[in-house]
PDB file of N, CA and C in Angstrom:
ATOM      1  N   MET A   1      72.310 -57.801  84.301  1.00  0.00           N
ATOM      2  CA  MET A   1      72.510 -56.707  85.119  1.00  0.00           C
ATOM      3  C   MET A   1      71.815 -55.403  84.728  1.00  0.00           C
ATOM      4  N   ALA A   2      72.492 -55.014  83.175  1.00  0.00           N
ATOM      5  CA  ALA A   2      71.225 -53.754  82.872  1.00  0.00           C
ATOM      6  C   ALA A   2      70.069 -53.813  82.515  1.00  0.00           C
ATOM      7  N   LEU A   3      69.816 -55.173  82.538  1.00  0.00           N
ATOM      8  CA  LEU A   3      68.056 -55.365  82.210  1.00  0.00           C
ATOM      9  C   LEU A   3      67.601 -55.333  83.368  1.00  0.00           C
ATOM     10  N   ALA A   4      68.125 -55.786  84.265  1.00  0.00           N
ATOM     11  CA  ALA A   4      67.366 -55.766  85.751  1.00  0.00           C
ATOM     12  C   ALA A   4      67.323 -54.648  86.570  1.00  0.00           C
ATOM     13  N   LEU A   5      67.954 -53.727  86.007  1.00  0.00           N
ATOM     14  CA  LEU A   5      68.283 -52.469  86.296  1.00  0.00           C
ATOM     15  C   LEU A   5      67.171 -51.518  85.413  1.00  0.00           C
ATOM     16  N   LEU A   6      67.174 -51.915  84.488  1.00  0.00           N
ATOM     17  CA  LEU A   6      65.842 -51.414  83.347  1.00  0.00           C
ATOM     18  C   LEU A   6      64.549 -51.439  83.900  1.00  0.00           C
ATOM     19  N   GLY A   7      64.371 -52.680  83.830  1.00  0.00           N
ATOM     20  CA  GLY A   7      63.459 -53.388  84.569  1.00  0.00           C
ATOM     21  C   GLY A   7      62.928 -53.047  85.998  1.00  0.00           C
ATOM     22  N   THR A   8      63.558 -52.622  86.822  1.00  0.00           N
ATOM     23  CA  THR A   8      63.547 -52.003  88.087  1.00  0.00           C
ATOM     24  C   THR A   8      62.994 -50.648  88.015  1.00  0.00           C
ATOM     25  N   ALA A   9      63.759 -49.699  87.131  1.00  0.00           N
ATOM     26  CA  ALA A   9      63.559 -48.722  86.709  1.00  0.00           C
ATOM     27  C   ALA A   9      62.052 -48.067  86.289  1.00  0.00           C
ATOM     28  N   LEU A  10      61.604 -49.286  85.180  1.00  0.00           N
ATOM     29  CA  LEU A  10      60.413 -49.189  84.585  1.00  0.00           C
ATOM     30  C   LEU A  10      59.472 -49.708  85.798  1.00  0.00           C
ATOM     31  N   PHE A  11      59.561 -50.727  86.607  1.00  0.00           N
ATOM     32  CA  PHE A  11      58.595 -50.928  87.562  1.00  0.00           C
ATOM     33  C   PHE A  11      58.250 -49.339  88.652  1.00  0.00           C
ATOM     34  N   ALA A  12      59.436 -49.239  89.190  1.00  0.00           N
ATOM     35  CA  ALA A  12      59.610 -47.943  89.821  1.00  0.00           C
ATOM     36  C   ALA A  12      58.755 -46.777  89.657  1.00  0.00           C
ATOM     37  N   GLY A  13      59.013 -46.382  88.129  1.00  0.00           N
ATOM     38  CA  GLY A  13      58.076 -45.337  87.454  1.00  0.00           C
ATOM     39  C   GLY A  13      56.600 -45.892  87.106  1.00  0.00           C
ATOM     40  N   ARG A  14      56.275 -46.869  87.111  1.00  0.00           N
ATOM     41  CA  ARG A  14      55.391 -47.662  86.416  1.00  0.00           C
ATOM     42  C   ARG A  14      54.159 -47.239  88.321  1.00  0.00           C
ATOM     43  N   ALA A  15      54.839 -47.956  89.152  1.00  0.00           N
ATOM     44  CA  ALA A  15      54.241 -47.731  90.241  1.00  0.00           C
ATOM     45  C   ALA A  15      53.892 -46.128  90.873  1.00  0.00           C
ATOM     46  N   TYR A  16      54.823 -45.128  90.566  1.00  0.00           N
ATOM     47  CA  TYR A  16      54.638 -43.945  90.883  1.00  0.00           C
ATOM     48  C   TYR A  16      53.556 -43.329  90.222  1.00  0.00           C
ATOM     49  N   PHE A  17      53.360 -43.419  88.837  1.00  0.00           N
ATOM     50  CA  PHE A  17      52.729 -43.036  87.954  1.00  0.00           C
ATOM     51  C   PHE A  17      51.211 -43.300  88.530  1.00  0.00           C
ATOM     52  N   SER A  18      51.418 -44.585  88.775  1.00  0.00           N
ATOM     53  CA  SER A  18      49.834 -44.927  89.135  1.00  0.00           C
ATOM     54  C   SER A  18      49.245 -45.008  90.427  1.00  0.00           C
ATOM     55  N   THR A  19      50.230 -43.852  91.119  1.00  0.00           N
ATOM     56  CA  THR A  19      49.619 -43.624  92.023  1.00  0.00           C
ATOM     57  C   THR A  19      49.593 -42.223  92.257  1.00  0.00           C
ATOM     58  N   GLN A  20      49.950 -41.309  91.357  1.00  0.00           N
ATOM     59  CA  GLN A  20      49.827 -39.872  90.856  1.00  0.00           C
ATOM     60  C   GLN A  20      48.659 -39.855  89.933  1.00  0.00           C
ATOM     61  N   PRO A  21      47.850 -39.215  90.189  1.00  0.00           N
ATOM     62  CA  PRO A  21      46.648 -38.690  89.565  1.00  0.00           C
ATOM     63  C   PRO A  21      47.197 -37.785  88.191  1.00  0.00           C
ATOM     64  N   PRO A  22      46.822 -38.097  87.151  1.00  0.00           N
ATOM     65  CA  PRO A  22      47.341 -37.255  85.819  1.00  0.00           C
ATOM     66  C   PRO A  22      46.832 -36.093  85.982  1.00  0.00           C
ATOM     67  N   GLU A  23      47.736 -35.162  85.447  1.00  0.00           N
ATOM     68  CA  GLU A  23      47.719 -33.822  85.353  1.00  0.00           C
ATOM     69  C   GLU A  23      46.319 -33.270  84.879  1.00  0.00           C
ATOM     70  N   LEU A  24      45.939 -33.847  84.015  1.00  0.00           N
ATOM     71  CA  LEU A  24      45.000 -33.390  83.267  1.00  0.00           C
ATOM     72  C   LEU A  24      43.276 -33.589  83.569  1.00  0.00           C
ATOM     73  N   THR A  25      43.845 -34.377  84.857  1.00  0.00           N
ATOM     74  CA  THR A  25      42.184 -35.145  85.676  1.00  0.00           C
ATOM     75  C   THR A  25      41.217 -34.180  85.336  1.00  0.00           C
ATOM     76  N   ALA A  26      41.715 -32.842  85.912  1.00  0.00           N
ATOM     77  CA  ALA A  26      40.653 -31.825  86.297  1.00  0.00           C
ATOM     78  C   ALA A  26      40.224 -31.381  85.013  1.00  0.00           C
ATOM     79  N   GLN A  27      41.209 -31.046  83.936  1.00  0.00           N
ATOM     80  CA  GLN A  27      40.653 -30.467  82.412  1.00  0.00           C
ATOM     81  C   GLN A  27      39.621 -31.841  81.850  1.00  0.00           C
ATOM     82  N   ALA A  28      39.921 -32.877  81.967  1.00  0.00           N
ATOM     83  CA  ALA A  28      39.021 -33.986  81.759  1.00  0.00           C
ATOM     84  C   ALA A  28      37.710 -33.925  82.283  1.00  0.00           C
ATOM     85  N   ARG A  29      37.724 -33.887  83.710  1.00  0.00           N
ATOM     86  CA  ARG A  29      36.386 -33.761  84.198  1.00  0.00           C
ATOM     87  C   ARG A  29      35.641 -32.199  83.451  1.00  0.00           C
ATOM     88  N   ALA A  30      36.337 -31.264  83.485  1.00  0.00           N
ATOM     89  CA  ALA A  30      35.694 -30.097  82.871  1.00  0.00           C
ATOM     90  C   ALA A  30      35.143 -30.471  81.678  1.00  0.00           C
ATOM     91  N   ARG A  31      36.057 -31.476  80.885  1.00  0.00           N
ATOM     92  CA  ARG A  31      35.238 -31.828  79.423  1.00  0.00           C
ATOM     93  C   ARG A  31      34.017 -32.448  79.669  1.00  0.00           C
ATOM     94  N   VAL A  32      33.827 -33.364  80.869  1.00  0.00           N
ATOM     95  CA  VAL A  32      32.693 -34.331  80.977  1.00  0.00           C
ATOM     96  C   VAL A  32      31.447 -33.578  81.450  1.00  0.00           C
ATOM     97  N   GLN A  33      31.818 -32.393  82.450  1.00  0.00           N
ATOM     98  CA  GLN A  33      31.225 -31.562  82.780  1.00  0.00           C
ATOM     99  C   GLN A  33      30.268 -30.798  81.307  1.00  0.00           C
ATOM    100  N   GLN A  34      31.215 -30.171  80.729  1.00  0.00           N
ATOM    101  CA  GLN A  34      30.886 -29.358  79.764  1.00  0.00           C
ATOM    102  C   GLN A  34      29.601 -29.631  78.732  1.00  0.00           C
ATOM    103  N   PRO A  35      29.686 -31.078  78.513  1.00  0.00           N
ATOM    104  CA  PRO A  35      28.659 -31.471  77.890  1.00  0.00           C
ATOM    105  C   PRO A  35      27.300 -31.650  78.346  1.00  0.00           C
ATOM    106  N   ASP A  36      27.664 -31.934  80.029  1.00  0.00           N
ATOM    107  CA  ASP A  36      26.361 -31.976  80.613  1.00  0.00           C
ATOM    108  C   ASP A  36      25.719 -30.757  80.647  1.00  0.00           C
ATOM    109  N   GLN A  37      26.421 -29.424  81.048  1.00  0.00           N
ATOM    110  CA  GLN A  37      25.443 -28.609  81.105  1.00  0.00           C
ATOM    111  C   GLN A  37      25.198 -28.129  79.876  1.00  0.00           C
ATOM    112  N   ALA A  38      25.610 -28.524  78.701  1.00  0.00           N
ATOM    113  CA  ALA A  38      25.417 -27.884  77.558  1.00  0.00           C
ATOM    114  C   ALA A  38      24.032 -28.712  77.457  1.00  0.00           C
ATOM    115  N   LEU A  39      24.119 -29.999  77.468  1.00  0.00           N
ATOM    116  CA  LEU A  39      22.473 -31.051  77.465  1.00  0.00           C
ATOM    117  C   LEU A  39      21.549 -30.233  78.125  1.00  0.00           C
ATOM    118  N   CYS A  40      21.916 -29.702  79.181  1.00  0.00           N
ATOM    119  CA  CYS A  40      20.776 -28.882  80.179  1.00  0.00           C
ATOM    120  C   CYS A  40      20.248 -27.479  79.849  1.00  0.00           C
ATOM    121  N   VAL A  41      21.239 -27.068  79.224  1.00  0.00           N
ATOM    122  CA  VAL A  41      20.889 -25.319  78.585  1.00  0.00           C
ATOM    123  C   VAL A  41      19.959 -25.988  77.162  1.00  0.00           C
ATOM    124  N   GLU A  42      20.911 -27.224  76.511  1.00  0.00           N
ATOM    125  CA  GLU A  42      19.935 -27.473  75.277  1.00  0.00           C
ATOM    126  C   GLU A  42      18.318 -27.754  75.647  1.00  0.00           C
ATOM    127  N   GLY A  43      17.892 -28.531  76.598  1.00  0.00           N
ATOM    128  CA  GLY A  43      16.929 -28.391  77.273  1.00  0.00           C
ATOM    129  C   GLY A  43      15.894 -27.636  77.525  1.00  0.00           C
ATOM    130  N   ALA A  44      16.716 -26.709  78.157  1.00  0.00           N
ATOM    131  CA  ALA A  44      15.744 -25.660  78.734  1.00  0.00           C
ATOM    132  C   ALA A  44      15.361 -24.377  77.937  1.00  0.00           C
ATOM    133  N   LEU A  45      16.083 -24.683  76.253  1.00  0.00           N
ATOM    134  CA  LEU A  45      15.840 -23.987  75.337  1.00  0.00           C
ATOM    135  C   LEU A  45      14.730 -24.816  74.833  1.00  0.00           C
ATOM    136  N   MET A  46      14.691 -25.972  74.607  1.00  0.00           N
ATOM    137  CA  MET A  46      13.780 -26.803  73.864  1.00  0.00           C
ATOM    138  C   MET A  46      12.531 -26.299  74.641  1.00  0.00           C
ATOM    139  N   SER A  47      12.891 -26.664  75.912  1.00  0.00           N
ATOM    140  CA  SER A  47      11.462 -25.965  76.464  1.00  0.00           C
ATOM    141  C   SER A  47      10.956 -24.955  76.442  1.00  0.00           C
ATOM    142  N   PHE A  48      11.648 -23.717  76.328  1.00  0.00           N
ATOM    143  CA  PHE A  48      11.430 -22.523  75.764  1.00  0.00           C
ATOM    144  C   PHE A  48      10.327 -22.870  74.682  1.00  0.00           C
ATOM    145  N   ASP A  49      11.348 -23.178  73.628  1.00  0.00           N
ATOM    146  CA  ASP A  49      10.404 -23.292  72.460  1.00  0.00           C
ATOM    147  C   ASP A  49       9.342 -23.853  72.222  1.00  0.00           C
ATOM    148  N   VAL A  50       9.378 -25.149  73.124  1.00  0.00           N
ATOM    149  CA  VAL A  50       7.735 -25.326  73.301  1.00  0.00           C
ATOM    150  C   VAL A  50       6.611 -24.958  73.770  1.00  0.00           C
ATOM    151  N   GLN A  51       7.302 -24.086  74.970  1.00  0.00           N
ATOM    152  CA  GLN A  51       6.168 -23.155  75.575  1.00  0.00           C
ATOM    153  C   GLN A  51       5.880 -21.852  74.607  1.00  0.00           C
ATOM    154  N   TRP A  52       6.705 -21.417  74.256  1.00  0.00           N
ATOM    155  CA  TRP A  52       6.635 -20.086  73.329  1.00  0.00           C
ATOM    156  C   TRP A  52       5.429 -20.818  72.303  1.00  0.00           C
ATOM    157  N   ALA A  53       5.736 -22.022  71.858  1.00  0.00           N
ATOM    158  CA  ALA A  53       4.727 -21.956  70.545  1.00  0.00           C
ATOM    159  C   ALA A  53       3.620 -22.496  70.743  1.00  0.00           C
ATOM    160  N   ALA A  54       3.420 -23.305  71.905  1.00  0.00           N
ATOM    161  CA  ALA A  54       1.842 -23.425  72.947  1.00  0.00           C
ATOM    162  C   ALA A  54       1.208 -22.238  73.160  1.00  0.00           C
ATOM    163  N   ALA A  55       1.992 -21.126  73.369  1.00  0.00           N
ATOM    164  CA  ALA A  55       1.515 -19.885  73.935  1.00  0.00           C
ATOM    165  C   ALA A  55       0.877 -19.079  72.394  1.00  0.00           C
ATOM    166  N   CYS A  56       1.677 -19.496  71.207  1.00  0.00           N
ATOM    167  CA  CYS A  56       1.314 -18.911  70.025  1.00  0.00           C
ATOM    168  C   CYS A  56      -0.163 -19.751  69.639  1.00  0.00           C
ATOM    169  N   ALA A  57       0.216 -20.891  69.953  1.00  0.00           N
ATOM    170  CA  ALA A  57      -1.163 -21.976  69.500  1.00  0.00           C
ATOM    171  C   ALA A  57      -2.465 -21.229  70.398  1.00  0.00           C
ATOM    172  N   THR A  58      -2.219 -21.239  71.305  1.00  0.00           N
ATOM    173  CA  THR A  58      -3.243 -20.782  72.411  1.00  0.00           C
ATOM    174  C   THR A  58      -3.828 -19.048  71.980  1.00  0.00           C
ATOM    175  N   LEU A  59      -3.118 -18.451  71.444  1.00  0.00           N
ATOM    176  CA  LEU A  59      -3.599 -17.398  70.653  1.00  0.00           C
ATOM    177  C   LEU A  59      -4.065 -17.671  69.467  1.00  0.00           C
ATOM    178  N   ALA A  60      -4.041 -18.380  68.698  1.00  0.00           N
ATOM    179  CA  ALA A  60      -4.334 -18.644  67.488  1.00  0.00           C
ATOM    180  C   ALA A  60      -5.477 -19.249  67.640  1.00  0.00           C
ATOM    181  N   GLU A  61      -6.053 -19.734  68.563  1.00  0.00           N
ATOM    182  CA  GLU A  61      -7.120 -20.533  69.163  1.00  0.00           C
ATOM    183  C   GLU A  61      -8.235 -19.013  68.956  1.00  0.00           C
ATOM    184  N   THR A  62      -7.459 -18.000  69.652  1.00  0.00           N
ATOM    185  CA  THR A  62      -8.499 -17.279  69.782  1.00  0.00           C
ATOM    186  C   THR A  62      -8.617 -16.137  68.549  1.00  0.00           C
ATOM    187  N   GLY A  63      -7.746 -16.298  67.696  1.00  0.00           N
ATOM    188  CA  GLY A  63      -7.946 -15.563  66.449  1.00  0.00           C
ATOM    189  C   GLY A  63      -6.957 -14.245  66.498  1.00  0.00           C
ATOM    190  N   ARG A  64      -5.944 -13.975  67.689  1.00  0.00           N
ATOM    191  CA  ARG A  64      -5.210 -12.999  67.936  1.00  0.00           C
ATOM    192  C   ARG A  64      -3.596 -13.388  67.249  1.00  0.00           C
ATOM    193  N   SER A  65      -3.410 -14.765  66.791  1.00  0.00           N
ATOM    194  CA  SER A  65      -2.111 -14.932  66.065  1.00  0.00           C
ATOM    195  C   SER A  65      -2.235 -15.830  64.805  1.00  0.00           C
ATOM    196  N   ASP A  66      -1.194 -15.730  64.278  1.00  0.00           N
ATOM    197  CA  ASP A  66      -1.251 -16.751  62.956  1.00  0.00           C
ATOM    198  C   ASP A  66      -0.998 -17.797  63.235  1.00  0.00           C
ATOM    199  N   GLY A  67      -0.990 -18.159  64.478  1.00  0.00           N
ATOM    200  CA  GLY A  67      -0.654 -19.577  64.911  1.00  0.00           C
ATOM    201  C   GLY A  67       0.971 -20.130  64.724  1.00  0.00           C
ATOM    202  N   HIS A  68       1.917 -19.186  63.807  1.00  0.00           N
ATOM    203  CA  HIS A  68       2.929 -19.324  64.031  1.00  0.00           C
ATOM    204  C   HIS A  68       3.676 -19.764  65.022  1.00  0.00           C
ATOM    205  N   ALA A  69       4.679 -20.801  65.003  1.00  0.00           N
ATOM    206  CA  ALA A  69       5.547 -21.063  66.583  1.00  0.00           C
ATOM    207  C   ALA A  69       6.326 -19.696  66.937  1.00  0.00           C
ATOM    208  N   GLU A  70       6.689 -18.931  66.062  1.00  0.00           N
ATOM    209  CA  GLU A  70       7.706 -17.652  66.484  1.00  0.00           C
ATOM    210  C   GLU A  70       6.650 -16.695  66.492  1.00  0.00           C
ATOM    211  N   CYS A  71       5.500 -16.830  67.155  1.00  0.00           N
ATOM    212  CA  CYS A  71       4.609 -15.252  66.868  1.00  0.00           C
ATOM    213  C   CYS A  71       5.292 -14.448  67.828  1.00  0.00           C
ATOM    214  N   GLU A  72       4.700 -13.265  67.832  1.00  0.00           N
ATOM    215  CA  GLU A  72       4.629 -12.200  68.855  1.00  0.00           C
ATOM    216  C   GLU A  72       3.945 -12.591  70.018  1.00  0.00           C
ATOM    217  N   LEU A  73       4.448 -12.711  71.216  1.00  0.00           N
ATOM    218  CA  LEU A  73       3.328 -12.743  72.062  1.00  0.00           C
ATOM    219  C   LEU A  73       2.920 -11.342  73.251  1.00  0.00           C
ATOM    220  N   PRO A  74       2.003 -11.402  73.701  1.00  0.00           N
ATOM    221  CA  PRO A  74       1.804 -10.236  74.528  1.00  0.00           C
ATOM    222  C   PRO A  74       3.108  -9.851  75.332  1.00  0.00           C
ATOM    223  N   PRO A  75       3.533  -9.022  75.941  1.00  0.00           N
ATOM    224  CA  PRO A  75       4.713  -8.716  76.782  1.00  0.00           C
ATOM    225  C   PRO A  75       4.465  -9.347  77.791  1.00  0.00           C
ATOM    226  N   ALA A  76       3.366  -9.779  78.582  1.00  0.00           N
ATOM    227  CA  ALA A  76       3.312 -10.581  79.994  1.00  0.00           C
ATOM    228  C   ALA A  76       3.241 -11.993  79.700  1.00  0.00           C
ATOM    229  N   GLU A  77       2.987 -12.515  78.449  1.00  0.00           N
ATOM    230  CA  GLU A  77       3.179 -13.819  78.612  1.00  0.00           C
ATOM    231  C   GLU A  77       4.778 -13.702  78.091  1.00  0.00           C
ATOM    232  N   ALA A  78       5.349 -13.236  77.389  1.00  0.00           N
ATOM    233  CA  ALA A  78       6.438 -13.159  76.566  1.00  0.00           C
ATOM    234  C   ALA A  78       7.342 -13.085  77.611  1.00  0.00           C
ATOM    235  N   GLY A  79       7.225 -12.456  78.613  1.00  0.00           N
ATOM    236  CA  GLY A  79       8.022 -12.045  79.782  1.00  0.00           C
ATOM    237  C   GLY A  79       8.210 -13.349  80.929  1.00  0.00           C
ATOM    238  N   ARG A  80       6.658 -14.023  81.211  1.00  0.00           N
ATOM    239  CA  ARG A  80       6.696 -15.065  81.469  1.00  0.00           C
ATOM    240  C   ARG A  80       7.477 -16.226  81.358  1.00  0.00           C
ATOM    241  N   ILE A  81       7.183 -16.532  79.751  1.00  0.00           N
ATOM    242  CA  ILE A  81       8.298 -17.551  79.392  1.00  0.00           C
ATOM    243  C   ILE A  81       9.566 -17.156  79.330  1.00  0.00           C
ATOM    244  N   ASN A  82      10.260 -15.936  78.928  1.00  0.00           N
ATOM    245  CA  ASN A  82      11.571 -15.686  79.212  1.00  0.00           C
ATOM    246  C   ASN A  82      12.153 -15.958  80.852  1.00  0.00           C
ATOM    247  N   ARG A  83      11.125 -15.399  81.739  1.00  0.00           N
ATOM    248  CA  ARG A  83      11.574 -15.830  82.854  1.00  0.00           C
ATOM    249  C   ARG A  83      11.898 -17.402  83.540  1.00  0.00           C
ATOM    250  N   LEU A  84      11.150 -17.860  82.831  1.00  0.00           N
ATOM    251  CA  LEU A  84      10.979 -19.446  82.975  1.00  0.00           C
ATOM    252  C   LEU A  84      12.380 -20.115  82.287  1.00  0.00           C
ATOM    253  N   LEU A  85      12.942 -19.538  81.505  1.00  0.00           N
ATOM    254  CA  LEU A  85      13.907 -20.068  80.737  1.00  0.00           C
ATOM    255  C   LEU A  85      15.209 -19.421  81.280  1.00  0.00           C
ATOM    256  N   GLN A  86      15.336 -18.055  82.002  1.00  0.00           N
ATOM    257  CA  GLN A  86      16.390 -17.568  82.948  1.00  0.00           C
ATOM    258  C   GLN A  86      16.541 -18.591  84.053  1.00  0.00           C
ATOM    259  N   GLN A  87      15.420 -18.704  84.564  1.00  0.00           N
ATOM    260  CA  GLN A  87      15.491 -19.893  85.586  1.00  0.00           C
ATOM    261  C   GLN A  87      16.002 -21.273  85.366  1.00  0.00           C
ATOM    262  N   ALA A  88      15.648 -21.502  84.309  1.00  0.00           N
ATOM    263  CA  ALA A  88      16.198 -23.027  83.884  1.00  0.00           C
ATOM    264  C   ALA A  88      17.572 -22.737  83.655  1.00  0.00           C
ATOM    265  N   GLU A  89      18.305 -22.059  83.226  1.00  0.00           N
ATOM    266  CA  GLU A  89      19.593 -21.741  82.786  1.00  0.00           C
ATOM    267  C   GLU A  89      20.266 -21.401  84.080  1.00  0.00           C
ATOM    268  N   GLN A  90      19.855 -21.082  85.194  1.00  0.00           N
ATOM    269  CA  GLN A  90      20.214 -20.670  86.317  1.00  0.00           C
ATOM    270  C   GLN A  90      20.678 -22.054  86.998  1.00  0.00           C
ATOM    271  N   ARG A  91      19.701 -23.182  86.756  1.00  0.00           N
ATOM    272  CA  ARG A  91      19.377 -24.378  87.197  1.00  0.00           C
ATOM    273  C   ARG A  91      20.646 -24.983  86.848  1.00  0.00           C
ATOM    274  N   CYS A  92      20.664 -24.807  85.678  1.00  0.00           N
ATOM    275  CA  CYS A  92      22.011 -25.593  84.958  1.00  0.00           C
ATOM    276  C   CYS A  92      23.103 -25.185  85.385  1.00  0.00           C
ATOM    277  N   LEU A  93      23.215 -24.074  85.266  1.00  0.00           N
ATOM    278  CA  LEU A  93      24.708 -23.522  86.129  1.00  0.00           C
ATOM    279  C   LEU A  93      24.827 -23.780  87.455  1.00  0.00           C
ATOM    280  N   ALA A  94      24.050 -23.665  88.428  1.00  0.00           N
ATOM    281  CA  ALA A  94      23.990 -24.460  89.630  1.00  0.00           C
ATOM    282  C   ALA A  94      24.238 -25.841  89.796  1.00  0.00           C
ATOM    283  N   ASP A  95      23.658 -26.751  88.827  1.00  0.00           N
ATOM    284  CA  ASP A  95      24.096 -27.890  88.800  1.00  0.00           C
ATOM    285  C   ASP A  95      25.486 -28.079  88.663  1.00  0.00           C
ATOM    286  N   ALA A  96      25.994 -27.219  87.411  1.00  0.00           N
ATOM    287  CA  ALA A  96      27.141 -27.493  86.823  1.00  0.00           C
ATOM    288  C   ALA A  96      28.249 -27.415  88.281  1.00  0.00           C
ATOM    289  N   VAL A  97      27.965 -26.098  88.896  1.00  0.00           N
ATOM    290  CA  VAL A  97      29.039 -25.449  90.048  1.00  0.00           C
ATOM    291  C   VAL A  97      28.834 -26.659  91.154  1.00  0.00           C
ATOM    292  N   ALA A  98      27.762 -27.246  91.265  1.00  0.00           N
ATOM    293  CA  ALA A  98      27.754 -28.188  92.212  1.00  0.00           C
ATOM    294  C   ALA A  98      28.241 -29.668  92.079  1.00  0.00           C
ATOM    295  N   SER A  99      28.317 -29.809  90.902  1.00  0.00           N
ATOM    296  CA  SER A  99      28.786 -30.891  90.219  1.00  0.00           C
ATOM    297  C   SER A  99      30.416 -30.930  90.221  1.00  0.00           C
ATOM    298  N   ALA A 100      30.941 -29.690  89.801  1.00  0.00           N
ATOM    299  CA  ALA A 100      32.536 -29.693  89.856  1.00  0.00           C
ATOM    300  C   ALA A 100      33.053 -29.571  90.900  1.00  0.00           C
ATOM    301  N   ARG A 101      32.559 -29.078  92.185  1.00  0.00           N
ATOM    302  CA  ARG A 101      32.595 -29.084  93.872  1.00  0.00           C
ATOM    303  C   ARG A 101      32.523 -30.524  94.447  1.00  0.00           C
ATOM    304  N   ARG A 102      31.686 -31.621  93.454  1.00  0.00           N
ATOM    305  CA  ARG A 102      31.731 -32.587  94.150  1.00  0.00           C
ATOM    306  C   ARG A 102      33.075 -33.522  93.692  1.00  0.00           C
ATOM    307  N   ARG A 103      33.463 -33.149  92.612  1.00  0.00           N
ATOM    308  CA  ARG A 103      34.815 -34.188  91.698  1.00  0.00           C
ATOM    309  C   ARG A 103      36.074 -33.328  92.725  1.00  0.00           C
TER     310      ARG A 103
END
């Protein structure tokens, strides 16, 4: 009899928990989202580095730079590349917010 009651209690408990979302679901989803956003920002930073290096290479072709990937760019070109990075970072944040709302 005791085993039957224990079995019934375990079954009822399992049925309850299988229909209830775990409390940590939101936290787990946030953890999944963070790597996605981190990868997005990492991609934006990579693109920034490549664009900056390409601009430095272009300057080097005209003899206005040593060709080093981290050269000092003219303010207008540096500003353009920095704005592109800011826009990419904003897209990453907007995508993360939209993704969180869908979940």
